Amino acid sequence: MLSSQEIKKNAGLYAADLIKNGMSFGLGTGTTVYWLIQELGARVAQGLEIRAVPTSEQTVQLAGEAGIPLTDLNELDSLAIAIDGADEIDPYGNLIKGGGGALLQEKIVAAASERLVIIADQSKLVSRLGKFPLPVEVIPFGYKQVMRRILDSGLCREVKLREKNGQPFVSDHHHYILDCRFDTIEHPLFLNASLENIAGVVETGLFINMAAQAIIGYEDGKIEMIRFTGKI
């Protein structure tokens, strides 16, 4: 059986074949995308000509170290494809993302792409979203009021401010992140709309009807390409 890192590496290497010469694409964030970046960097060194729109400062750094040329989303009309990771994937392709704190830029890049492909190991597949805490990005001003509004609305059972080294975690765009806990998310579309309707909420980690496909790596070395119907 393969280790977790070996599974992620296999998925990342498989996904690299989706990136063709001359392509501009969205380059995601996370431990599986790390292996995609390493492989694309090796191919760039061999002559592959591509331009990547990064979804986080972490990806900017890793892509730069790998020699992958970067561009700004404002310089492009659209992206042919975006490849990113996920924290949970349900059978319809709905996702929870943002465990690494890059959900806002990830969603913007995904929305600008003609096709969003998720790469992950088998542990990310779930029958229903909600076991992984849902990240909600908020502006720092009045964030405690936002927490109260979320709890008072009954949308989730627990809300915690994400911290790092004893201080509030600050996203790439200088926001805070609230982690909302559920038993399961029964109605993701309703939940997403309800959270986004709260003043102070910037974005949620619910990616609804956005993923077209997922590349899933398994312990036995198998790679599976899943195509989603887009229905909730």
C-alpha atoms as a PDB file:
ATOM      1  CA  MET A   1       0.000   0.000   0.000  1.00  0.00           C
ATOM      2  CA  LEU A   2       1.195   3.486  -0.830  1.00  0.00           C
ATOM      3  CA  SER A   3       1.749   6.193   1.764  1.00  0.00           C
ATOM      4  CA  SER A   4      -0.400   9.334   1.795  1.00  0.00           C
ATOM      5  CA  GLN A   5       2.357  11.346   0.117  1.00  0.00           C
ATOM      6  CA  GLU A   6       2.878   8.699  -2.557  1.00  0.00           C
ATOM      7  CA  ILE A   7      -0.858   8.729  -3.347  1.00  0.00           C
ATOM      8  CA  LYS A   8      -0.845  12.512  -3.650  1.00  0.00           C
ATOM      9  CA  LYS A   9       2.261  12.415  -5.820  1.00  0.00           C
ATOM     10  CA  ASN A  10       0.620   9.946  -8.214  1.00  0.00           C
ATOM     11  CA  ALA A  11      -2.454  12.185  -8.540  1.00  0.00           C
ATOM     12  CA  GLY A  12      -0.306  15.266  -9.112  1.00  0.00           C
ATOM     13  CA  LEU A  13       1.799  13.587 -11.793  1.00  0.00           C
ATOM     14  CA  TYR A  14      -1.336  12.307 -13.542  1.00  0.00           C
ATOM     15  CA  ALA A  15      -2.854  15.794 -13.555  1.00  0.00           C
ATOM     16  CA  ALA A  16       0.240  17.289 -15.177  1.00  0.00           C
ATOM     17  CA  ASP A  17      -0.760  15.656 -18.473  1.00  0.00           C
ATOM     18  CA  LEU A  18      -3.809  17.952 -18.598  1.00  0.00           C
ATOM     19  CA  ILE A  19      -1.567  20.983 -19.040  1.00  0.00           C
ATOM     20  CA  LYS A  20      -0.648  21.426 -22.684  1.00  0.00           C
ATOM     21  CA  ASN A  21       1.934  23.590 -24.423  1.00  0.00           C
ATOM     22  CA  GLY A  22       0.861  27.233 -24.712  1.00  0.00           C
ATOM     23  CA  MET A  23      -1.843  26.908 -22.050  1.00  0.00           C
ATOM     24  CA  SER A  24      -2.785  29.501 -19.421  1.00  0.00           C
ATOM     25  CA  PHE A  25      -4.287  27.792 -16.411  1.00  0.00           C
ATOM     26  CA  GLY A  26      -5.187  28.150 -12.742  1.00  0.00           C
ATOM     27  CA  LEU A  27      -2.685  26.586 -10.363  1.00  0.00           C
ATOM     28  CA  GLY A  28      -4.129  25.634  -6.995  1.00  0.00           C
ATOM     29  CA  THR A  29      -2.837  25.260  -3.474  1.00  0.00           C
ATOM     30  CA  GLY A  30      -2.170  22.342  -1.156  1.00  0.00           C
ATOM     31  CA  THR A  31      -0.225  19.171  -0.513  1.00  0.00           C
ATOM     32  CA  THR A  32      -1.399  17.361  -3.647  1.00  0.00           C
ATOM     33  CA  VAL A  33      -0.905  20.383  -5.893  1.00  0.00           C
ATOM     34  CA  TYR A  34       2.674  20.525  -4.582  1.00  0.00           C
ATOM     35  CA  TRP A  35       3.481  17.434  -6.650  1.00  0.00           C
ATOM     36  CA  LEU A  36       1.791  18.903  -9.708  1.00  0.00           C
ATOM     37  CA  ILE A  37       3.989  21.980  -9.358  1.00  0.00           C
ATOM     38  CA  GLN A  38       7.149  19.882  -9.118  1.00  0.00           C
ATOM     39  CA  GLU A  39       6.270  17.914 -12.248  1.00  0.00           C
ATOM     40  CA  LEU A  40       5.279  20.984 -14.255  1.00  0.00           C
ATOM     41  CA  GLY A  41       8.507  22.667 -13.215  1.00  0.00           C
ATOM     42  CA  ALA A  42      10.471  19.728 -14.602  1.00  0.00           C
ATOM     43  CA  ARG A  43       8.527  19.902 -17.858  1.00  0.00           C
ATOM     44  CA  VAL A  44       9.069  23.656 -18.162  1.00  0.00           C
ATOM     45  CA  ALA A  45      12.787  23.003 -17.839  1.00  0.00           C
ATOM     46  CA  GLN A  46      12.426  20.603 -20.774  1.00  0.00           C
ATOM     47  CA  GLY A  47      10.704  23.214 -22.950  1.00  0.00           C
ATOM     48  CA  LEU A  48       7.013  23.245 -21.988  1.00  0.00           C
ATOM     49  CA  GLU A  49       5.623  26.773 -22.464  1.00  0.00           C
ATOM     50  CA  ILE A  50       2.818  27.603 -20.016  1.00  0.00           C
ATOM     51  CA  ARG A  51       1.522  30.432 -17.846  1.00  0.00           C
ATOM     52  CA  ALA A  52      -0.050  29.827 -14.446  1.00  0.00           C
ATOM     53  CA  VAL A  53      -2.399  31.975 -12.379  1.00  0.00           C
ATOM     54  CA  PRO A  54      -1.618  31.077  -8.742  1.00  0.00           C
ATOM     55  CA  THR A  55      -4.315  30.785  -6.085  1.00  0.00           C
ATOM     56  CA  SER A  56      -2.141  31.731  -3.091  1.00  0.00           C
ATOM     57  CA  GLU A  57       1.133  33.258  -1.994  1.00  0.00           C
ATOM     58  CA  GLN A  58       2.293  29.754  -1.120  1.00  0.00           C
ATOM     59  CA  THR A  59       1.740  28.699  -4.729  1.00  0.00           C
ATOM     60  CA  VAL A  60       3.529  31.825  -5.979  1.00  0.00           C
ATOM     61  CA  GLN A  61       6.577  30.782  -3.964  1.00  0.00           C
ATOM     62  CA  LEU A  62       6.515  27.105  -4.967  1.00  0.00           C
ATOM     63  CA  ALA A  63       5.892  27.872  -8.639  1.00  0.00           C
ATOM     64  CA  GLY A  64       8.678  30.436  -8.637  1.00  0.00           C
ATOM     65  CA  GLU A  65      11.108  27.935  -7.131  1.00  0.00           C
ATOM     66  CA  ALA A  66      10.056  25.374  -9.759  1.00  0.00           C
ATOM     67  CA  GLY A  67      10.548  27.841 -12.626  1.00  0.00           C
ATOM     68  CA  ILE A  68       6.890  27.985 -13.705  1.00  0.00           C
ATOM     69  CA  PRO A  69       6.031  31.326 -15.364  1.00  0.00           C
ATOM     70  CA  LEU A  70       3.200  33.169 -13.594  1.00  0.00           C
ATOM     71  CA  THR A  71       0.658  35.672 -14.845  1.00  0.00           C
ATOM     72  CA  ASP A  72      -2.119  37.814 -13.376  1.00  0.00           C
ATOM     73  CA  LEU A  73      -5.765  36.900 -13.825  1.00  0.00           C
ATOM     74  CA  ASN A  74      -6.469  40.502 -14.874  1.00  0.00           C
ATOM     75  CA  GLU A  75      -4.301  39.943 -17.943  1.00  0.00           C
ATOM     76  CA  LEU A  76      -6.502  37.118 -19.249  1.00  0.00           C
ATOM     77  CA  ASP A  77     -10.073  36.789 -20.468  1.00  0.00           C
ATOM     78  CA  SER A  78     -10.447  33.253 -19.150  1.00  0.00           C
ATOM     79  CA  LEU A  79      -8.521  30.133 -18.224  1.00  0.00           C
ATOM     80  CA  ALA A  80      -8.775  26.831 -20.057  1.00  0.00           C
ATOM     81  CA  ILE A  81      -8.491  24.853 -16.846  1.00  0.00           C
ATOM     82  CA  ALA A  82      -7.794  25.185 -13.130  1.00  0.00           C
ATOM     83  CA  ILE A  83      -6.326  22.338 -11.096  1.00  0.00           C
ATOM     84  CA  ASP A  84      -6.708  22.479  -7.333  1.00  0.00           C
ATOM     85  CA  GLY A  85      -7.118  20.349  -4.228  1.00  0.00           C
ATOM     86  CA  ALA A  86     -10.048  19.970  -1.846  1.00  0.00           C
ATOM     87  CA  ASP A  87     -10.761  19.073   1.758  1.00  0.00           C
ATOM     88  CA  GLU A  88     -13.983  17.203   0.959  1.00  0.00           C
ATOM     89  CA  ILE A  89     -15.628  16.053  -2.288  1.00  0.00           C
ATOM     90  CA  ASP A  90     -19.196  14.766  -2.409  1.00  0.00           C
ATOM     91  CA  PRO A  91     -20.622  12.488  -5.147  1.00  0.00           C
ATOM     92  CA  TYR A  92     -21.952  15.501  -7.088  1.00  0.00           C
ATOM     93  CA  GLY A  93     -18.638  17.343  -7.154  1.00  0.00           C
ATOM     94  CA  ASN A  94     -19.539  19.843  -4.447  1.00  0.00           C
ATOM     95  CA  LEU A  95     -16.530  20.727  -2.364  1.00  0.00           C
ATOM     96  CA  ILE A  96     -15.289  22.096   0.912  1.00  0.00           C
ATOM     97  CA  LYS A  97     -12.072  24.020   0.349  1.00  0.00           C
ATOM     98  CA  GLY A  98     -10.027  26.480   2.373  1.00  0.00           C
ATOM     99  CA  GLY A  99      -8.237  24.293   4.890  1.00  0.00           C
ATOM    100  CA  GLY A 100      -5.070  26.072   3.833  1.00  0.00           C
ATOM    101  CA  GLY A 101      -6.725  29.487   4.002  1.00  0.00           C
ATOM    102  CA  ALA A 102      -6.713  30.337   0.274  1.00  0.00           C
ATOM    103  CA  LEU A 103     -10.419  29.857  -0.461  1.00  0.00           C
ATOM    104  CA  LEU A 104     -11.156  33.369  -1.766  1.00  0.00           C
ATOM    105  CA  GLN A 105      -8.528  33.389  -4.500  1.00  0.00           C
ATOM    106  CA  GLU A 106      -9.159  29.714  -5.234  1.00  0.00           C
ATOM    107  CA  LYS A 107     -12.838  30.421  -5.902  1.00  0.00           C
ATOM    108  CA  ILE A 108     -12.091  33.438  -8.088  1.00  0.00           C
ATOM    109  CA  VAL A 109      -9.673  31.407 -10.215  1.00  0.00           C
ATOM    110  CA  ALA A 110     -12.087  28.470 -10.395  1.00  0.00           C
ATOM    111  CA  ALA A 111     -14.911  30.753 -11.537  1.00  0.00           C
ATOM    112  CA  ALA A 112     -12.699  32.170 -14.288  1.00  0.00           C
ATOM    113  CA  SER A 113     -11.838  28.711 -15.613  1.00  0.00           C
ATOM    114  CA  GLU A 114     -13.653  26.743 -18.261  1.00  0.00           C
ATOM    115  CA  ARG A 115     -13.000  23.561 -16.291  1.00  0.00           C
ATOM    116  CA  LEU A 116     -12.107  22.953 -12.642  1.00  0.00           C
ATOM    117  CA  VAL A 117     -10.306  19.687 -11.965  1.00  0.00           C
ATOM    118  CA  ILE A 118      -9.737  18.561  -8.391  1.00  0.00           C
ATOM    119  CA  ILE A 119      -6.797  16.353  -7.442  1.00  0.00           C
ATOM    120  CA  ALA A 120      -6.913  14.491  -4.142  1.00  0.00           C
ATOM    121  CA  ASP A 121      -6.395  11.214  -2.347  1.00  0.00           C
ATOM    122  CA  GLN A 122      -9.258   8.844  -1.615  1.00  0.00           C
ATOM    123  CA  SER A 123      -9.730  10.148   1.945  1.00  0.00           C
ATOM    124  CA  LYS A 124     -11.294  13.347   0.551  1.00  0.00           C
ATOM    125  CA  LEU A 125     -14.280  11.500  -0.937  1.00  0.00           C
ATOM    126  CA  VAL A 126     -17.353  11.725   1.301  1.00  0.00           C
ATOM    127  CA  SER A 127     -21.003  10.772   0.913  1.00  0.00           C
ATOM    128  CA  ARG A 128     -22.075  14.155   2.294  1.00  0.00           C
ATOM    129  CA  LEU A 129     -20.162  17.344   3.102  1.00  0.00           C
ATOM    130  CA  GLY A 130     -19.711  18.598   6.632  1.00  0.00           C
ATOM    131  CA  LYS A 131     -17.278  16.535   8.666  1.00  0.00           C
ATOM    132  CA  PHE A 132     -14.441  18.898   7.724  1.00  0.00           C
ATOM    133  CA  PRO A 133     -15.021  22.356   9.283  1.00  0.00           C
ATOM    134  CA  LEU A 134     -16.265  24.850   6.700  1.00  0.00           C
ATOM    135  CA  PRO A 135     -13.975  27.891   6.336  1.00  0.00           C
ATOM    136  CA  VAL A 136     -15.732  31.240   6.076  1.00  0.00           C
ATOM    137  CA  GLU A 137     -13.553  34.236   5.189  1.00  0.00           C
ATOM    138  CA  VAL A 138     -14.559  37.482   6.923  1.00  0.00           C
ATOM    139  CA  ILE A 139     -13.165  40.979   7.270  1.00  0.00           C
ATOM    140  CA  PRO A 140     -11.476  41.541  10.655  1.00  0.00           C
ATOM    141  CA  PHE A 141     -13.708  44.513  11.529  1.00  0.00           C
ATOM    142  CA  GLY A 142     -16.684  43.201  13.470  1.00  0.00           C
ATOM    143  CA  TYR A 143     -15.807  39.529  13.043  1.00  0.00           C
ATOM    144  CA  LYS A 144     -17.268  38.692  16.470  1.00  0.00           C
ATOM    145  CA  GLN A 145     -20.600  40.066  15.316  1.00  0.00           C
ATOM    146  CA  VAL A 146     -20.406  37.806  12.301  1.00  0.00           C
ATOM    147  CA  MET A 147     -19.710  34.821  14.564  1.00  0.00           C
ATOM    148  CA  ARG A 148     -22.782  35.674  16.652  1.00  0.00           C
ATOM    149  CA  ARG A 149     -24.959  36.065  13.568  1.00  0.00           C
ATOM    150  CA  ILE A 150     -23.881  32.658  12.274  1.00  0.00           C
ATOM    151  CA  LEU A 151     -24.557  30.962  15.617  1.00  0.00           C
ATOM    152  CA  ASP A 152     -27.836  32.793  16.256  1.00  0.00           C
ATOM    153  CA  SER A 153     -29.074  31.798  12.791  1.00  0.00           C
ATOM    154  CA  GLY A 154     -28.619  28.137  13.650  1.00  0.00           C
ATOM    155  CA  LEU A 155     -26.648  27.563  10.458  1.00  0.00           C
ATOM    156  CA  CYS A 156     -23.957  25.573  12.281  1.00  0.00           C
ATOM    157  CA  ARG A 157     -23.342  24.164  15.741  1.00  0.00           C
ATOM    158  CA  GLU A 158     -19.960  25.765  16.489  1.00  0.00           C
ATOM    159  CA  VAL A 159     -17.849  28.632  15.118  1.00  0.00           C
ATOM    160  CA  LYS A 160     -14.187  29.225  15.925  1.00  0.00           C
ATOM    161  CA  LEU A 161     -11.783  31.905  14.812  1.00  0.00           C
ATOM    162  CA  ARG A 162      -8.840  30.238  13.094  1.00  0.00           C
ATOM    163  CA  GLU A 163      -5.556  30.972  14.843  1.00  0.00           C
ATOM    164  CA  LYS A 164      -1.884  30.508  14.086  1.00  0.00           C
ATOM    165  CA  ASN A 165       0.776  30.762  16.791  1.00  0.00           C
ATOM    166  CA  GLY A 166      -1.784  32.116  19.227  1.00  0.00           C
ATOM    167  CA  GLN A 167      -2.891  34.941  16.923  1.00  0.00           C
ATOM    168  CA  PRO A 168      -5.723  35.191  14.376  1.00  0.00           C
ATOM    169  CA  PHE A 169      -4.802  33.527  11.110  1.00  0.00           C
ATOM    170  CA  VAL A 170      -4.643  36.185   8.389  1.00  0.00           C
ATOM    171  CA  SER A 171      -5.379  35.205   4.792  1.00  0.00           C
ATOM    172  CA  ASP A 172      -3.428  36.386   1.757  1.00  0.00           C
ATOM    173  CA  HIS A 173      -6.020  39.137   1.350  1.00  0.00           C
ATOM    174  CA  HIS A 174      -5.743  40.225   4.998  1.00  0.00           C
ATOM    175  CA  HIS A 175      -8.978  38.671   6.203  1.00  0.00           C
ATOM    176  CA  TYR A 176      -9.807  36.353   9.112  1.00  0.00           C
ATOM    177  CA  ILE A 177     -11.222  32.851   8.742  1.00  0.00           C
ATOM    178  CA  LEU A 178     -14.016  31.360  10.821  1.00  0.00           C
ATOM    179  CA  ASP A 179     -14.208  27.571  10.918  1.00  0.00           C
ATOM    180  CA  CYS A 180     -17.834  26.400  11.145  1.00  0.00           C
ATOM    181  CA  ARG A 181     -18.553  22.909  12.412  1.00  0.00           C
ATOM    182  CA  PHE A 182     -21.461  20.701  11.383  1.00  0.00           C
ATOM    183  CA  ASP A 183     -22.485  17.104  11.705  1.00  0.00           C
ATOM    184  CA  THR A 184     -23.426  17.099   8.028  1.00  0.00           C
ATOM    185  CA  ILE A 185     -24.361  19.821   5.556  1.00  0.00           C
ATOM    186  CA  GLU A 186     -27.843  18.928   4.373  1.00  0.00           C
ATOM    187  CA  HIS A 187     -28.374  21.772   1.895  1.00  0.00           C
ATOM    188  CA  PRO A 188     -25.036  23.214   0.698  1.00  0.00           C
ATOM    189  CA  LEU A 189     -26.538  25.666  -1.793  1.00  0.00           C
ATOM    190  CA  PHE A 190     -28.870  27.164   0.839  1.00  0.00           C
ATOM    191  CA  LEU A 191     -26.077  27.266   3.421  1.00  0.00           C
ATOM    192  CA  ASN A 192     -23.690  29.032   1.056  1.00  0.00           C
ATOM    193  CA  ALA A 193     -26.276  31.681   0.153  1.00  0.00           C
ATOM    194  CA  SER A 194     -27.252  32.200   3.794  1.00  0.00           C
ATOM    195  CA  LEU A 195     -23.664  32.696   4.933  1.00  0.00           C
ATOM    196  CA  GLU A 196     -22.823  35.049   2.070  1.00  0.00           C
ATOM    197  CA  ASN A 197     -25.869  37.146   3.002  1.00  0.00           C
ATOM    198  CA  ILE A 198     -24.327  37.999   6.393  1.00  0.00           C
ATOM    199  CA  ALA A 199     -22.611  41.404   6.378  1.00  0.00           C
ATOM    200  CA  GLY A 200     -18.881  40.967   6.858  1.00  0.00           C
ATOM    201  CA  VAL A 201     -18.636  37.590   5.132  1.00  0.00           C
ATOM    202  CA  VAL A 202     -16.299  37.754   2.137  1.00  0.00           C
ATOM    203  CA  GLU A 203     -16.562  34.171   0.857  1.00  0.00           C
ATOM    204  CA  THR A 204     -17.233  30.616   1.971  1.00  0.00           C
ATOM    205  CA  GLY A 205     -15.323  27.413   1.350  1.00  0.00           C
ATOM    206  CA  LEU A 206     -18.344  25.797  -0.292  1.00  0.00           C
ATOM    207  CA  PHE A 207     -17.693  25.263  -4.010  1.00  0.00           C
ATOM    208  CA  ILE A 208     -21.088  24.323  -5.431  1.00  0.00           C
ATOM    209  CA  ASN A 209     -21.468  22.998  -8.991  1.00  0.00           C
ATOM    210  CA  MET A 210     -17.981  24.216  -9.901  1.00  0.00           C
ATOM    211  CA  ALA A 211     -15.878  21.053 -10.251  1.00  0.00           C
ATOM    212  CA  ALA A 212     -16.096  19.235 -13.576  1.00  0.00           C
ATOM    213  CA  GLN A 213     -13.813  16.336 -12.695  1.00  0.00           C
ATOM    214  CA  ALA A 214     -11.682  14.876  -9.928  1.00  0.00           C
ATOM    215  CA  ILE A 215      -8.486  12.870 -10.182  1.00  0.00           C
ATOM    216  CA  ILE A 216      -8.407  10.544  -7.185  1.00  0.00           C
ATOM    217  CA  GLY A 217      -5.411   8.543  -6.034  1.00  0.00           C
ATOM    218  CA  TYR A 218      -5.812   5.294  -4.097  1.00  0.00           C
ATOM    219  CA  GLU A 219      -3.641   3.284  -1.713  1.00  0.00           C
ATOM    220  CA  ASP A 220      -3.180   0.493  -4.244  1.00  0.00           C
ATOM    221  CA  GLY A 221      -1.720   2.938  -6.773  1.00  0.00           C
ATOM    222  CA  LYS A 222      -4.875   3.226  -8.886  1.00  0.00           C
ATOM    223  CA  ILE A 223      -5.830   6.614 -10.334  1.00  0.00           C
ATOM    224  CA  GLU A 224      -9.489   7.315 -11.052  1.00  0.00           C
ATOM    225  CA  MET A 225     -10.946  10.178 -13.105  1.00  0.00           C
ATOM    226  CA  ILE A 226     -14.425  11.045 -11.817  1.00  0.00           C
ATOM    227  CA  ARG A 227     -16.780  13.208 -13.893  1.00  0.00           C
ATOM    228  CA  PHE A 228     -19.512  15.078 -12.041  1.00  0.00           C
ATOM    229  CA  THR A 229     -23.120  15.607 -13.048  1.00  0.00           C
ATOM    230  CA  GLY A 230     -23.339  19.022 -11.377  1.00  0.00           C
ATOM    231  CA  LYS A 231     -26.549  18.169  -9.487  1.00  0.00           C
ATOM    232  CA  ILE A 232     -26.959  18.661  -5.739  1.00  0.00           C
END
